[in-house]
Amino acid sequence: MQKSGISVRGFTPDDLSLEWYRARVGRLDHSFKYLNKNDYSGKCPIEIGDDFIQTSSLRFMQGVFLEYPDVAHAMRQIFEMLWACRPEKIEGAKMGKNGE
């Protein structure tokens, strides 16, 4: 992803099971805010691209891919509002539109 200029920002639960990833996230141009598990379980990730959104459930082995630019834009706006107002520090590469 680095070679193609893609950076990733996201929210994820602050869980010990993710420590292996957390130790490497900065090298991948990924930035995360780790949230209390009571605020966000992370059981069904939502990914937002330029013109699509996708979500999946490993528990039920199902996923949805929606290629719809208007929905992707609306979801990105919601993400940007949450990213700006959540108090957690940013960990990782600190890249992206609002990466401080």
N, C-alpha and C. Protein backbone atom coordinates (compact mmCIF):
# COMPACT_ATOMS: atom_id res chain seq x y z
N MET A 1 0.82 -1.19 0.00
CA MET A 1 0.00 0.00 0.00
C MET A 1 0.86 1.25 0.00
N GLN A 2 2.02 1.20 0.64
CA GLN A 2 2.89 2.37 0.67
C GLN A 2 3.32 2.77 -0.73
N LYS A 3 3.70 1.80 -1.53
CA LYS A 3 4.21 2.10 -2.87
C LYS A 3 3.15 2.74 -3.75
N SER A 4 1.88 2.43 -3.50
CA SER A 4 0.81 3.00 -4.31
C SER A 4 0.28 4.31 -3.73
N GLY A 5 0.86 4.78 -2.64
CA GLY A 5 0.45 6.05 -2.05
C GLY A 5 -0.82 5.98 -1.24
N ILE A 6 -1.22 4.79 -0.83
CA ILE A 6 -2.45 4.63 -0.06
C ILE A 6 -2.11 4.70 1.43
N SER A 7 -2.84 5.55 2.13
CA SER A 7 -2.71 5.60 3.58
C SER A 7 -4.05 5.20 4.19
N VAL A 8 -4.01 4.72 5.41
CA VAL A 8 -5.21 4.24 6.08
C VAL A 8 -5.32 4.94 7.42
N ARG A 9 -6.53 5.39 7.74
CA ARG A 9 -6.84 5.92 9.07
C ARG A 9 -8.04 5.17 9.58
N GLY A 10 -8.11 4.98 10.88
CA GLY A 10 -9.26 4.26 11.39
C GLY A 10 -9.35 4.26 12.90
N PHE A 11 -10.47 3.75 13.34
CA PHE A 11 -10.72 3.53 14.76
C PHE A 11 -10.68 2.02 14.99
N THR A 12 -10.14 1.61 16.10
CA THR A 12 -10.11 0.19 16.44
C THR A 12 -10.17 0.06 17.95
N PRO A 13 -10.69 -1.06 18.44
CA PRO A 13 -10.74 -1.24 19.89
C PRO A 13 -9.34 -1.31 20.49
N ASP A 14 -9.20 -0.78 21.68
CA ASP A 14 -7.93 -0.88 22.42
C ASP A 14 -7.92 -2.24 23.09
N ASP A 15 -7.40 -3.22 22.39
CA ASP A 15 -7.45 -4.61 22.83
C ASP A 15 -6.06 -5.23 22.78
N LEU A 16 -5.71 -6.00 23.78
CA LEU A 16 -4.39 -6.64 23.83
C LEU A 16 -4.13 -7.54 22.63
N SER A 17 -5.18 -8.10 22.05
CA SER A 17 -5.00 -8.99 20.91
C SER A 17 -4.45 -8.26 19.68
N LEU A 18 -4.49 -6.94 19.68
CA LEU A 18 -4.01 -6.15 18.54
C LEU A 18 -2.60 -5.59 18.76
N GLU A 19 -1.95 -5.95 19.85
CA GLU A 19 -0.61 -5.40 20.13
C GLU A 19 0.40 -5.70 19.02
N TRP A 20 0.35 -6.87 18.42
CA TRP A 20 1.28 -7.23 17.35
C TRP A 20 1.13 -6.27 16.17
N TYR A 21 -0.12 -5.89 15.88
CA TYR A 21 -0.37 -4.97 14.77
C TYR A 21 0.02 -3.55 15.17
N ARG A 22 -0.32 -3.19 16.38
CA ARG A 22 -0.03 -1.85 16.88
C ARG A 22 1.47 -1.54 16.81
N ALA A 23 2.30 -2.54 17.04
CA ALA A 23 3.75 -2.36 17.00
C ALA A 23 4.27 -2.10 15.59
N ARG A 24 3.50 -2.46 14.57
CA ARG A 24 3.95 -2.33 13.19
C ARG A 24 3.20 -1.27 12.39
N VAL A 25 2.15 -0.73 12.93
CA VAL A 25 1.24 0.12 12.17
C VAL A 25 1.92 1.36 11.59
N GLY A 26 2.88 1.93 12.26
CA GLY A 26 3.55 3.14 11.78
C GLY A 26 4.33 2.93 10.51
N ARG A 27 4.81 1.74 10.29
CA ARG A 27 5.58 1.45 9.07
C ARG A 27 4.69 1.24 7.85
N LEU A 28 3.40 1.17 8.05
CA LEU A 28 2.47 0.85 6.96
C LEU A 28 1.69 2.06 6.46
N ASP A 29 2.04 3.26 6.87
CA ASP A 29 1.25 4.46 6.56
C ASP A 29 -0.19 4.32 7.06
N HIS A 30 -0.35 3.67 8.20
CA HIS A 30 -1.65 3.53 8.84
C HIS A 30 -1.64 4.35 10.11
N SER A 31 -2.75 5.00 10.40
CA SER A 31 -2.92 5.78 11.63
C SER A 31 -4.22 5.37 12.28
N PHE A 32 -4.18 5.12 13.58
CA PHE A 32 -5.38 4.69 14.28
C PHE A 32 -5.57 5.45 15.57
N LYS A 33 -6.82 5.55 15.97
CA LYS A 33 -7.20 5.97 17.30
C LYS A 33 -7.77 4.72 17.96
N TYR A 34 -7.16 4.34 19.08
CA TYR A 34 -7.58 3.14 19.79
C TYR A 34 -8.65 3.53 20.81
N LEU A 35 -9.85 2.97 20.64
CA LEU A 35 -11.00 3.34 21.45
C LEU A 35 -11.27 2.30 22.54
N ASN A 36 -11.84 2.77 23.63
CA ASN A 36 -12.28 1.88 24.69
C ASN A 36 -13.26 0.87 24.10
N LYS A 37 -13.12 -0.40 24.47
CA LYS A 37 -13.99 -1.45 23.92
C LYS A 37 -15.46 -1.23 24.27
N ASN A 38 -15.75 -0.45 25.31
CA ASN A 38 -17.14 -0.13 25.63
C ASN A 38 -17.73 0.86 24.63
N ASP A 39 -16.87 1.66 23.99
CA ASP A 39 -17.33 2.62 22.99
C ASP A 39 -17.43 2.00 21.60
N TYR A 40 -16.54 1.06 21.30
CA TYR A 40 -16.51 0.46 19.96
C TYR A 40 -15.93 -0.95 20.03
N SER A 41 -16.72 -1.92 19.61
CA SER A 41 -16.27 -3.32 19.68
C SER A 41 -15.43 -3.72 18.48
N GLY A 42 -15.65 -3.10 17.34
CA GLY A 42 -14.88 -3.43 16.15
C GLY A 42 -15.21 -4.78 15.55
N LYS A 43 -16.32 -5.37 15.91
CA LYS A 43 -16.66 -6.70 15.41
C LYS A 43 -17.01 -6.71 13.93
N CYS A 44 -17.49 -5.61 13.42
CA CYS A 44 -17.84 -5.51 12.00
C CYS A 44 -17.16 -4.26 11.43
N PRO A 45 -15.98 -4.42 10.87
CA PRO A 45 -15.28 -3.24 10.34
C PRO A 45 -16.03 -2.62 9.17
N ILE A 46 -15.90 -1.33 9.03
CA ILE A 46 -16.47 -0.60 7.90
C ILE A 46 -15.30 0.08 7.20
N GLU A 47 -15.15 -0.19 5.92
CA GLU A 47 -14.08 0.41 5.13
C GLU A 47 -14.70 1.34 4.10
N ILE A 48 -14.12 2.53 3.98
CA ILE A 48 -14.64 3.54 3.07
C ILE A 48 -13.57 3.88 2.06
N GLY A 49 -13.89 3.71 0.79
CA GLY A 49 -12.98 4.09 -0.29
C GLY A 49 -13.50 5.35 -0.96
N ASP A 50 -12.91 5.72 -2.08
CA ASP A 50 -13.37 6.91 -2.80
C ASP A 50 -14.79 6.76 -3.32
N ASP A 51 -15.15 5.57 -3.77
CA ASP A 51 -16.47 5.38 -4.36
C ASP A 51 -17.17 4.11 -3.87
N PHE A 52 -16.77 3.60 -2.72
CA PHE A 52 -17.40 2.39 -2.20
C PHE A 52 -17.31 2.35 -0.67
N ILE A 53 -18.15 1.52 -0.10
CA ILE A 53 -18.02 1.13 1.30
C ILE A 53 -18.15 -0.39 1.35
N GLN A 54 -17.51 -0.98 2.34
CA GLN A 54 -17.67 -2.41 2.55
C GLN A 54 -17.64 -2.70 4.03
N THR A 55 -18.37 -3.72 4.41
CA THR A 55 -18.39 -4.16 5.79
C THR A 55 -18.47 -5.68 5.79
N SER A 56 -18.02 -6.28 6.86
CA SER A 56 -18.04 -7.74 6.92
C SER A 56 -18.20 -8.20 8.36
N SER A 57 -18.60 -9.45 8.49
CA SER A 57 -18.70 -10.09 9.79
C SER A 57 -17.99 -11.43 9.70
N LEU A 58 -16.85 -11.55 10.37
CA LEU A 58 -16.15 -12.82 10.39
C LEU A 58 -16.96 -13.88 11.13
N ARG A 59 -17.71 -13.44 12.11
CA ARG A 59 -18.54 -14.37 12.88
C ARG A 59 -19.56 -15.08 12.00
N PHE A 60 -20.19 -14.34 11.10
CA PHE A 60 -21.22 -14.92 10.24
C PHE A 60 -20.72 -15.18 8.82
N MET A 61 -19.42 -14.88 8.59
CA MET A 61 -18.81 -15.11 7.27
C MET A 61 -19.63 -14.47 6.14
N GLN A 62 -20.01 -13.21 6.36
CA GLN A 62 -20.78 -12.47 5.37
C GLN A 62 -20.18 -11.08 5.22
N GLY A 63 -20.37 -10.51 4.06
CA GLY A 63 -19.90 -9.16 3.82
C GLY A 63 -20.76 -8.46 2.79
N VAL A 64 -20.65 -7.15 2.77
CA VAL A 64 -21.39 -6.34 1.81
C VAL A 64 -20.42 -5.35 1.19
N PHE A 65 -20.44 -5.25 -0.12
CA PHE A 65 -19.65 -4.27 -0.85
C PHE A 65 -20.63 -3.42 -1.62
N LEU A 66 -20.60 -2.12 -1.39
CA LEU A 66 -21.53 -1.21 -2.04
C LEU A 66 -20.74 -0.16 -2.81
N GLU A 67 -20.81 -0.22 -4.12
CA GLU A 67 -20.11 0.74 -4.96
C GLU A 67 -21.10 1.85 -5.31
N TYR A 68 -21.04 2.90 -4.50
CA TYR A 68 -22.01 3.98 -4.60
C TYR A 68 -21.33 5.25 -4.07
N PRO A 69 -20.81 6.09 -4.97
CA PRO A 69 -20.02 7.25 -4.55
C PRO A 69 -20.72 8.17 -3.56
N ASP A 70 -22.04 8.39 -3.72
CA ASP A 70 -22.74 9.29 -2.80
C ASP A 70 -22.75 8.75 -1.37
N VAL A 71 -22.94 7.45 -1.22
CA VAL A 71 -22.94 6.83 0.11
C VAL A 71 -21.52 6.86 0.69
N ALA A 72 -20.53 6.57 -0.14
CA ALA A 72 -19.13 6.62 0.32
C ALA A 72 -18.77 8.02 0.80
N HIS A 73 -19.20 9.03 0.06
CA HIS A 73 -18.91 10.41 0.44
C HIS A 73 -19.58 10.75 1.79
N ALA A 74 -20.83 10.34 1.96
CA ALA A 74 -21.54 10.61 3.22
C ALA A 74 -20.86 9.91 4.39
N MET A 75 -20.45 8.66 4.19
CA MET A 75 -19.77 7.92 5.25
C MET A 75 -18.42 8.55 5.58
N ARG A 76 -17.72 9.03 4.58
CA ARG A 76 -16.43 9.68 4.81
C ARG A 76 -16.63 10.97 5.63
N GLN A 77 -17.69 11.72 5.34
CA GLN A 77 -17.96 12.93 6.11
C GLN A 77 -18.20 12.59 7.59
N ILE A 78 -18.94 11.52 7.85
CA ILE A 78 -19.18 11.10 9.22
C ILE A 78 -17.87 10.69 9.88
N PHE A 79 -17.05 9.93 9.15
CA PHE A 79 -15.75 9.52 9.68
C PHE A 79 -14.91 10.75 10.04
N GLU A 80 -14.85 11.74 9.15
CA GLU A 80 -14.03 12.93 9.40
C GLU A 80 -14.50 13.69 10.63
N MET A 81 -15.82 13.77 10.82
CA MET A 81 -16.34 14.44 12.02
C MET A 81 -15.93 13.70 13.28
N LEU A 82 -16.04 12.37 13.27
CA LEU A 82 -15.64 11.58 14.43
C LEU A 82 -14.14 11.66 14.68
N TRP A 83 -13.35 11.59 13.61
CA TRP A 83 -11.89 11.65 13.73
C TRP A 83 -11.48 12.96 14.40
N ALA A 84 -12.13 14.05 14.01
CA ALA A 84 -11.78 15.37 14.54
C ALA A 84 -12.17 15.54 16.01
N CYS A 85 -13.25 14.90 16.44
CA CYS A 85 -13.74 15.18 17.79
C CYS A 85 -13.35 14.13 18.83
N ARG A 86 -12.86 12.96 18.43
CA ARG A 86 -12.45 11.96 19.41
C ARG A 86 -11.15 12.40 20.08
N PRO A 87 -11.07 12.31 21.41
CA PRO A 87 -9.89 12.83 22.12
C PRO A 87 -8.67 11.90 22.11
N GLU A 88 -8.83 10.66 21.67
CA GLU A 88 -7.71 9.72 21.73
C GLU A 88 -6.56 10.21 20.85
N LYS A 89 -5.33 9.92 21.29
CA LYS A 89 -4.18 10.31 20.49
C LYS A 89 -4.09 9.43 19.25
N ILE A 90 -3.46 9.96 18.22
CA ILE A 90 -3.26 9.23 16.98
C ILE A 90 -1.98 8.42 17.10
N GLU A 91 -2.05 7.15 16.77
CA GLU A 91 -0.87 6.30 16.79
C GLU A 91 -0.61 5.79 15.38
N GLY A 92 0.65 5.69 15.03
CA GLY A 92 1.02 5.19 13.71
C GLY A 92 1.66 6.26 12.87
N ALA A 93 1.38 6.23 11.59
CA ALA A 93 2.05 7.12 10.64
C ALA A 93 1.55 8.55 10.69
N LYS A 94 0.39 8.78 11.29
CA LYS A 94 -0.18 10.13 11.38
C LYS A 94 -0.35 10.77 10.01
N MET A 95 -0.77 9.98 9.06
CA MET A 95 -0.98 10.49 7.71
C MET A 95 -2.47 10.62 7.46
N GLY A 96 -2.81 11.31 6.41
CA GLY A 96 -4.20 11.45 6.02
C GLY A 96 -4.63 12.89 6.07
N LYS A 97 -5.85 13.09 5.68
CA LYS A 97 -6.40 14.43 5.54
C LYS A 97 -6.28 15.26 6.82
N ASN A 98 -6.66 14.67 7.94
CA ASN A 98 -6.61 15.41 9.20
C ASN A 98 -5.62 14.80 10.18
N GLY A 99 -4.67 14.02 9.71
CA GLY A 99 -3.68 13.42 10.61
C GLY A 99 -2.78 14.49 11.18
N GLU A 100 -2.89 14.69 12.49
CA GLU A 100 -2.09 15.74 13.13
C GLU A 100 -0.65 15.33 13.23
